[in-house]
Amino acid sequence: MEELKLHGTWPSPFSYRVIWALALKGIPYEYIEEDLSNKSSLLLQYNPVHKKIPVLVHAGNPICESIIILEYIEETWPQNPLLPSDPYERATARFWIKFIDDKGTVVFKIFRAKNEEEREEAKKQSLEMLRTVEQWGFGGGERKFFGGDEIGMADLAFGAIAYWLGMIEKVTGVKLLDVGEFPQVYGWIERFREAPVIRDNLPDWNLMVETFRRRREQLLESPKT
């Protein structure tokens, strides 16, 4: 097998999108932890445009941006498919992947908010996103995951909500996910986190909370630009 390396950071939900995909497909790889405060020359070489993780390097060729990496993995290693074979279902999955990539990460605005106005606006946008997923994402409760009974690419894209949302709530004190208002999303989170391949590939909760708490303190102390 050609050499496969993943450059990422351990608390990044975008890195874990790729980690989960590789685990689901049973693909061995070398993981390289990056320090984003002191980016390696390899990271800058492989992703000179955005200088961000994750970067998957396959046979010396770098692939950047987590969703693009998922697509590359799916096309390169077709076993245990992450997208449906039916064209319409595949298009639907890609719709949700696009929605999640555009709207799902709005919850991180709560973490970065420096005042009450910014926090309330981020909370409003996050609740709108969650209500959309609650109403339309799981076929009215008929599906365990976005595409049916198995974890697929849309679930991996939405994985930040499964684990990082709780961390954001804990660190910021902003409550978003009420089981009464979001039973479908809540149920999906439970199923997703309990899937063995996900459960065995999650960052340590306490360490992540402490890390993000320190980051938030630093963020709040820094001057607003």
C-alpha atoms as a PDB file:
ATOM      1  CA  MET A   1       0.000   0.000   0.000  1.00  0.00           C
ATOM      2  CA  GLU A   2       1.236   3.473  -0.860  1.00  0.00           C
ATOM      3  CA  GLU A   3       2.325   5.638   2.056  1.00  0.00           C
ATOM      4  CA  LEU A   4      -0.534   7.478   3.768  1.00  0.00           C
ATOM      5  CA  LYS A   5      -0.073  10.217   6.356  1.00  0.00           C
ATOM      6  CA  LEU A   6      -2.518  12.502   8.126  1.00  0.00           C
ATOM      7  CA  HIS A   7      -1.423  15.861   9.483  1.00  0.00           C
ATOM      8  CA  GLY A   8      -3.866  17.064  12.134  1.00  0.00           C
ATOM      9  CA  THR A   9      -4.323  18.319  15.680  1.00  0.00           C
ATOM     10  CA  TRP A  10      -5.829  16.174  18.418  1.00  0.00           C
ATOM     11  CA  PRO A  11      -8.663  18.512  19.539  1.00  0.00           C
ATOM     12  CA  SER A  12      -9.794  19.413  16.014  1.00  0.00           C
ATOM     13  CA  PRO A  13     -13.214  18.092  14.882  1.00  0.00           C
ATOM     14  CA  PHE A  14     -12.048  18.512  11.280  1.00  0.00           C
ATOM     15  CA  SER A  15      -9.131  16.168  11.872  1.00  0.00           C
ATOM     16  CA  TYR A  16     -11.516  13.653  13.402  1.00  0.00           C
ATOM     17  CA  ARG A  17     -13.712  13.654  10.309  1.00  0.00           C
ATOM     18  CA  VAL A  18     -10.755  12.113   8.497  1.00  0.00           C
ATOM     19  CA  ILE A  19      -9.711   9.846  11.378  1.00  0.00           C
ATOM     20  CA  TRP A  20     -13.246   8.391  11.514  1.00  0.00           C
ATOM     21  CA  ALA A  21     -13.396   7.859   7.746  1.00  0.00           C
ATOM     22  CA  LEU A  22     -10.083   6.014   7.687  1.00  0.00           C
ATOM     23  CA  ALA A  23     -11.154   3.903  10.663  1.00  0.00           C
ATOM     24  CA  LEU A  24     -14.501   3.029   9.062  1.00  0.00           C
ATOM     25  CA  LYS A  25     -12.708   1.839   5.948  1.00  0.00           C
ATOM     26  CA  GLY A  26      -9.967   0.035   7.850  1.00  0.00           C
ATOM     27  CA  ILE A  27      -7.146   1.979   6.209  1.00  0.00           C
ATOM     28  CA  PRO A  28      -3.782   2.109   8.041  1.00  0.00           C
ATOM     29  CA  TYR A  29      -1.985   5.449   8.111  1.00  0.00           C
ATOM     30  CA  GLU A  30       0.592   7.465  10.009  1.00  0.00           C
ATOM     31  CA  TYR A  31      -0.744  10.316  12.125  1.00  0.00           C
ATOM     32  CA  ILE A  32       1.387  13.457  12.495  1.00  0.00           C
ATOM     33  CA  GLU A  33       0.384  15.909  15.221  1.00  0.00           C
ATOM     34  CA  GLU A  34       0.824  19.539  14.202  1.00  0.00           C
ATOM     35  CA  ASP A  35       1.430  22.508  16.479  1.00  0.00           C
ATOM     36  CA  LEU A  36      -0.612  25.320  14.952  1.00  0.00           C
ATOM     37  CA  SER A  37       1.276  27.900  17.002  1.00  0.00           C
ATOM     38  CA  ASN A  38       4.470  26.720  15.312  1.00  0.00           C
ATOM     39  CA  LYS A  39       3.420  25.201  11.984  1.00  0.00           C
ATOM     40  CA  SER A  40       5.787  22.683  10.508  1.00  0.00           C
ATOM     41  CA  SER A  41       7.561  23.265   7.225  1.00  0.00           C
ATOM     42  CA  LEU A  42       5.765  20.193   5.865  1.00  0.00           C
ATOM     43  CA  LEU A  43       2.327  21.624   6.690  1.00  0.00           C
ATOM     44  CA  LEU A  44       3.231  24.918   5.018  1.00  0.00           C
ATOM     45  CA  GLN A  45       4.554  22.997   2.034  1.00  0.00           C
ATOM     46  CA  TYR A  46       1.500  20.752   1.725  1.00  0.00           C
ATOM     47  CA  ASN A  47      -1.113  23.476   2.313  1.00  0.00           C
ATOM     48  CA  PRO A  48       0.499  26.763   1.260  1.00  0.00           C
ATOM     49  CA  VAL A  49      -2.856  28.433   0.523  1.00  0.00           C
ATOM     50  CA  HIS A  50      -4.677  28.065   3.857  1.00  0.00           C
ATOM     51  CA  LYS A  51      -1.858  26.680   6.029  1.00  0.00           C
ATOM     52  CA  LYS A  52      -4.438  24.630   7.956  1.00  0.00           C
ATOM     53  CA  ILE A  53      -5.080  21.074   9.022  1.00  0.00           C
ATOM     54  CA  PRO A  54      -6.148  18.454   8.234  1.00  0.00           C
ATOM     55  CA  VAL A  55      -3.951  17.445   5.334  1.00  0.00           C
ATOM     56  CA  LEU A  56      -3.928  13.887   4.008  1.00  0.00           C
ATOM     57  CA  VAL A  57      -0.756  12.940   2.139  1.00  0.00           C
ATOM     58  CA  HIS A  58      -1.144   9.923  -0.145  1.00  0.00           C
ATOM     59  CA  ALA A  59       1.946   8.729  -2.033  1.00  0.00           C
ATOM     60  CA  GLY A  60       3.450  12.168  -1.510  1.00  0.00           C
ATOM     61  CA  ASN A  61       0.399  14.040  -2.831  1.00  0.00           C
ATOM     62  CA  PRO A  62      -1.355  16.371  -0.337  1.00  0.00           C
ATOM     63  CA  ILE A  63      -5.145  16.653  -0.143  1.00  0.00           C
ATOM     64  CA  CYS A  64      -6.528  19.561   1.906  1.00  0.00           C
ATOM     65  CA  GLU A  65      -9.890  20.506   3.463  1.00  0.00           C
ATOM     66  CA  SER A  66     -11.688  17.852   5.493  1.00  0.00           C
ATOM     67  CA  ILE A  67     -14.722  17.343   3.221  1.00  0.00           C
ATOM     68  CA  ILE A  68     -12.552  17.139   0.114  1.00  0.00           C
ATOM     69  CA  ILE A  69     -10.395  14.602   1.943  1.00  0.00           C
ATOM     70  CA  LEU A  70     -13.497  12.518   2.730  1.00  0.00           C
ATOM     71  CA  GLU A  71     -14.455  12.554  -0.937  1.00  0.00           C
ATOM     72  CA  TYR A  72     -10.925  11.503  -1.899  1.00  0.00           C
ATOM     73  CA  ILE A  73     -10.966   8.644   0.598  1.00  0.00           C
ATOM     74  CA  GLU A  74     -14.331   7.470  -0.725  1.00  0.00           C
ATOM     75  CA  GLU A  75     -13.148   7.517  -4.336  1.00  0.00           C
ATOM     76  CA  THR A  76      -9.782   5.897  -3.605  1.00  0.00           C
ATOM     77  CA  TRP A  77     -10.922   3.160  -1.218  1.00  0.00           C
ATOM     78  CA  PRO A  78     -14.475   2.083  -2.137  1.00  0.00           C
ATOM     79  CA  GLN A  79     -14.840  -0.553   0.617  1.00  0.00           C
ATOM     80  CA  ASN A  80     -17.350   0.229   3.368  1.00  0.00           C
ATOM     81  CA  PRO A  81     -18.837   3.106   1.329  1.00  0.00           C
ATOM     82  CA  LEU A  82     -19.557   6.444   2.965  1.00  0.00           C
ATOM     83  CA  LEU A  83     -21.970   7.541   0.223  1.00  0.00           C
ATOM     84  CA  PRO A  84     -25.050   5.664  -1.062  1.00  0.00           C
ATOM     85  CA  SER A  85     -24.932   3.933  -4.439  1.00  0.00           C
ATOM     86  CA  ASP A  86     -28.277   5.384  -5.541  1.00  0.00           C
ATOM     87  CA  PRO A  87     -27.713   8.712  -7.382  1.00  0.00           C
ATOM     88  CA  TYR A  88     -30.613  10.503  -5.684  1.00  0.00           C
ATOM     89  CA  GLU A  89     -29.634   9.325  -2.206  1.00  0.00           C
ATOM     90  CA  ARG A  90     -26.030  10.277  -2.927  1.00  0.00           C
ATOM     91  CA  ALA A  91     -27.150  13.750  -3.994  1.00  0.00           C
ATOM     92  CA  THR A  92     -29.201  14.052  -0.801  1.00  0.00           C
ATOM     93  CA  ALA A  93     -26.185  13.062   1.282  1.00  0.00           C
ATOM     94  CA  ARG A  94     -24.098  15.678  -0.488  1.00  0.00           C
ATOM     95  CA  PHE A  95     -26.791  18.283   0.185  1.00  0.00           C
ATOM     96  CA  TRP A  96     -26.500  17.647   3.928  1.00  0.00           C
ATOM     97  CA  ILE A  97     -22.719  17.581   3.761  1.00  0.00           C
ATOM     98  CA  LYS A  98     -22.799  20.999   2.095  1.00  0.00           C
ATOM     99  CA  PHE A  99     -25.342  22.304   4.614  1.00  0.00           C
ATOM    100  CA  ILE A 100     -23.287  21.042   7.543  1.00  0.00           C
ATOM    101  CA  ASP A 101     -20.051  22.469   6.181  1.00  0.00           C
ATOM    102  CA  ASP A 102     -21.718  25.842   5.585  1.00  0.00           C
ATOM    103  CA  LYS A 103     -23.920  26.056   8.690  1.00  0.00           C
ATOM    104  CA  GLY A 104     -22.924  23.369  11.187  1.00  0.00           C
ATOM    105  CA  THR A 105     -19.778  25.029  12.432  1.00  0.00           C
ATOM    106  CA  VAL A 106     -21.728  28.110  13.536  1.00  0.00           C
ATOM    107  CA  VAL A 107     -21.677  26.634  17.053  1.00  0.00           C
ATOM    108  CA  PHE A 108     -17.986  27.535  17.263  1.00  0.00           C
ATOM    109  CA  LYS A 109     -18.952  31.207  16.988  1.00  0.00           C
ATOM    110  CA  ILE A 110     -20.332  30.852  20.510  1.00  0.00           C
ATOM    111  CA  PHE A 111     -16.897  29.791  21.686  1.00  0.00           C
ATOM    112  CA  ARG A 112     -15.252  32.752  19.950  1.00  0.00           C
ATOM    113  CA  ALA A 113     -17.867  35.361  21.008  1.00  0.00           C
ATOM    114  CA  LYS A 114     -16.351  38.143  23.092  1.00  0.00           C
ATOM    115  CA  ASN A 115     -19.508  39.870  24.268  1.00  0.00           C
ATOM    116  CA  GLU A 116     -23.183  39.202  24.943  1.00  0.00           C
ATOM    117  CA  GLU A 117     -24.348  40.503  21.561  1.00  0.00           C
ATOM    118  CA  GLU A 118     -22.008  38.223  19.635  1.00  0.00           C
ATOM    119  CA  ARG A 119     -22.904  35.281  21.880  1.00  0.00           C
ATOM    120  CA  GLU A 120     -26.665  35.737  21.446  1.00  0.00           C
ATOM    121  CA  GLU A 121     -26.366  36.064  17.669  1.00  0.00           C
ATOM    122  CA  ALA A 122     -24.224  32.918  17.499  1.00  0.00           C
ATOM    123  CA  LYS A 123     -26.726  31.102  19.710  1.00  0.00           C
ATOM    124  CA  LYS A 124     -29.606  32.192  17.467  1.00  0.00           C
ATOM    125  CA  GLN A 125     -27.830  30.963  14.325  1.00  0.00           C
ATOM    126  CA  SER A 126     -26.894  27.686  16.024  1.00  0.00           C
ATOM    127  CA  LEU A 127     -30.471  27.001  17.104  1.00  0.00           C
ATOM    128  CA  GLU A 128     -31.730  27.714  13.580  1.00  0.00           C
ATOM    129  CA  MET A 129     -29.208  25.211  12.216  1.00  0.00           C
ATOM    130  CA  LEU A 130     -30.175  22.569  14.771  1.00  0.00           C
ATOM    131  CA  ARG A 131     -33.900  23.058  14.088  1.00  0.00           C
ATOM    132  CA  THR A 132     -33.312  22.517  10.376  1.00  0.00           C
ATOM    133  CA  VAL A 133     -31.457  19.267  11.037  1.00  0.00           C
ATOM    134  CA  GLU A 134     -34.073  18.192  13.581  1.00  0.00           C
ATOM    135  CA  GLN A 135     -36.930  18.705  11.125  1.00  0.00           C
ATOM    136  CA  TRP A 136     -35.380  17.400   7.927  1.00  0.00           C
ATOM    137  CA  GLY A 137     -32.161  15.511   8.633  1.00  0.00           C
ATOM    138  CA  PHE A 138     -33.396  12.105   9.752  1.00  0.00           C
ATOM    139  CA  GLY A 139     -36.606  11.499   7.820  1.00  0.00           C
ATOM    140  CA  GLY A 140     -38.870  12.307  10.735  1.00  0.00           C
ATOM    141  CA  GLY A 141     -37.103   9.768  12.930  1.00  0.00           C
ATOM    142  CA  GLU A 142     -37.249   6.943  10.378  1.00  0.00           C
ATOM    143  CA  ARG A 143     -33.465   6.884   9.944  1.00  0.00           C
ATOM    144  CA  LYS A 144     -30.819   6.199  12.589  1.00  0.00           C
ATOM    145  CA  PHE A 145     -28.300   8.309  10.691  1.00  0.00           C
ATOM    146  CA  PHE A 146     -28.486  10.847   7.865  1.00  0.00           C
ATOM    147  CA  GLY A 147     -28.522   8.169   5.178  1.00  0.00           C
ATOM    148  CA  GLY A 148     -30.173   5.255   6.950  1.00  0.00           C
ATOM    149  CA  ASP A 149     -28.961   2.577   9.343  1.00  0.00           C
ATOM    150  CA  GLU A 150     -25.225   3.065   8.810  1.00  0.00           C
ATOM    151  CA  ILE A 151     -22.868   5.949   9.477  1.00  0.00           C
ATOM    152  CA  GLY A 152     -22.067   7.838   6.275  1.00  0.00           C
ATOM    153  CA  MET A 153     -20.186  10.893   5.133  1.00  0.00           C
ATOM    154  CA  ALA A 154     -22.864  13.344   6.281  1.00  0.00           C
ATOM    155  CA  ASP A 155     -22.663  11.888   9.788  1.00  0.00           C
ATOM    156  CA  LEU A 156     -18.886  12.309   9.801  1.00  0.00           C
ATOM    157  CA  ALA A 157     -19.313  15.905   8.655  1.00  0.00           C
ATOM    158  CA  PHE A 158     -21.805  16.556  11.463  1.00  0.00           C
ATOM    159  CA  GLY A 159     -19.611  14.777  14.015  1.00  0.00           C
ATOM    160  CA  ALA A 160     -18.541  18.051  15.614  1.00  0.00           C
ATOM    161  CA  ILE A 161     -22.026  18.305  17.088  1.00  0.00           C
ATOM    162  CA  ALA A 162     -21.769  14.822  18.578  1.00  0.00           C
ATOM    163  CA  TYR A 163     -18.889  15.694  20.878  1.00  0.00           C
ATOM    164  CA  TRP A 164     -17.668  19.266  20.552  1.00  0.00           C
ATOM    165  CA  LEU A 165     -21.065  20.887  21.119  1.00  0.00           C
ATOM    166  CA  GLY A 166     -21.176  19.554  24.661  1.00  0.00           C
ATOM    167  CA  MET A 167     -17.704  20.944  25.244  1.00  0.00           C
ATOM    168  CA  ILE A 168     -18.757  24.371  23.943  1.00  0.00           C
ATOM    169  CA  GLU A 169     -21.806  24.326  26.223  1.00  0.00           C
ATOM    170  CA  LYS A 170     -19.646  23.427  29.227  1.00  0.00           C
ATOM    171  CA  VAL A 171     -16.916  25.984  28.547  1.00  0.00           C
ATOM    172  CA  THR A 172     -19.199  28.909  27.633  1.00  0.00           C
ATOM    173  CA  GLY A 173     -22.241  28.161  29.791  1.00  0.00           C
ATOM    174  CA  VAL A 174     -24.524  28.519  26.740  1.00  0.00           C
ATOM    175  CA  LYS A 175     -27.120  25.731  26.547  1.00  0.00           C
ATOM    176  CA  LEU A 176     -28.219  24.727  23.060  1.00  0.00           C
ATOM    177  CA  LEU A 177     -29.200  21.091  22.936  1.00  0.00           C
ATOM    178  CA  ASP A 178     -32.441  20.451  24.820  1.00  0.00           C
ATOM    179  CA  VAL A 179     -33.671  16.874  24.408  1.00  0.00           C
ATOM    180  CA  GLY A 180     -37.279  18.055  24.439  1.00  0.00           C
ATOM    181  CA  GLU A 181     -36.745  20.410  21.518  1.00  0.00           C
ATOM    182  CA  PHE A 182     -34.245  18.257  19.614  1.00  0.00           C
ATOM    183  CA  PRO A 183     -35.093  14.568  20.174  1.00  0.00           C
ATOM    184  CA  GLN A 184     -33.902  13.517  16.693  1.00  0.00           C
ATOM    185  CA  VAL A 185     -30.545  15.286  17.009  1.00  0.00           C
ATOM    186  CA  TYR A 186     -30.123  14.065  20.575  1.00  0.00           C
ATOM    187  CA  GLY A 187     -30.835  10.470  19.566  1.00  0.00           C
ATOM    188  CA  TRP A 188     -28.416  10.743  16.648  1.00  0.00           C
ATOM    189  CA  ILE A 189     -25.696  12.017  18.971  1.00  0.00           C
ATOM    190  CA  GLU A 190     -26.150   9.040  21.284  1.00  0.00           C
ATOM    191  CA  ARG A 191     -26.045   6.539  18.415  1.00  0.00           C
ATOM    192  CA  PHE A 192     -23.090   8.205  16.731  1.00  0.00           C
ATOM    193  CA  ARG A 193     -20.943   8.420  19.856  1.00  0.00           C
ATOM    194  CA  GLU A 194     -21.707   4.827  20.832  1.00  0.00           C
ATOM    195  CA  ALA A 195     -20.703   3.355  17.458  1.00  0.00           C
ATOM    196  CA  PRO A 196     -17.485   1.430  18.260  1.00  0.00           C
ATOM    197  CA  VAL A 197     -15.415   3.001  15.492  1.00  0.00           C
ATOM    198  CA  ILE A 198     -16.376   6.474  16.744  1.00  0.00           C
ATOM    199  CA  ARG A 199     -16.184   5.691  20.462  1.00  0.00           C
ATOM    200  CA  ASP A 200     -12.684   4.278  20.044  1.00  0.00           C
ATOM    201  CA  ASN A 201     -11.495   7.356  18.149  1.00  0.00           C
ATOM    202  CA  LEU A 202     -12.471  10.342  20.281  1.00  0.00           C
ATOM    203  CA  PRO A 203     -10.238  12.795  22.144  1.00  0.00           C
ATOM    204  CA  ASP A 204     -10.132  12.662  25.921  1.00  0.00           C
ATOM    205  CA  TRP A 205     -13.128  14.667  27.180  1.00  0.00           C
ATOM    206  CA  ASN A 206     -11.554  16.199  30.289  1.00  0.00           C
ATOM    207  CA  LEU A 207      -8.360  17.151  28.493  1.00  0.00           C
ATOM    208  CA  MET A 208     -10.334  18.712  25.648  1.00  0.00           C
ATOM    209  CA  VAL A 209     -12.531  20.748  28.012  1.00  0.00           C
ATOM    210  CA  GLU A 210      -9.484  22.011  29.875  1.00  0.00           C
ATOM    211  CA  THR A 211      -7.683  22.852  26.628  1.00  0.00           C
ATOM    212  CA  PHE A 212     -10.622  24.786  25.212  1.00  0.00           C
ATOM    213  CA  ARG A 213     -11.226  26.523  28.536  1.00  0.00           C
ATOM    214  CA  ARG A 214      -7.675  27.873  28.447  1.00  0.00           C
ATOM    215  CA  ARG A 215      -8.093  28.878  24.804  1.00  0.00           C
ATOM    216  CA  ARG A 216     -11.283  30.746  25.611  1.00  0.00           C
ATOM    217  CA  GLU A 217      -9.639  32.586  28.497  1.00  0.00           C
ATOM    218  CA  GLN A 218      -6.825  33.625  26.161  1.00  0.00           C
ATOM    219  CA  LEU A 219      -9.345  34.683  23.532  1.00  0.00           C
ATOM    220  CA  LEU A 220     -11.278  36.851  25.962  1.00  0.00           C
ATOM    221  CA  GLU A 221      -8.094  38.453  27.238  1.00  0.00           C
ATOM    222  CA  SER A 222      -6.828  39.301  23.750  1.00  0.00           C
ATOM    223  CA  PRO A 223      -7.720  42.730  22.284  1.00  0.00           C
ATOM    224  CA  LYS A 224     -10.575  42.703  19.785  1.00  0.00           C
ATOM    225  CA  THR A 225      -9.477  43.491  16.239  1.00  0.00           C
END
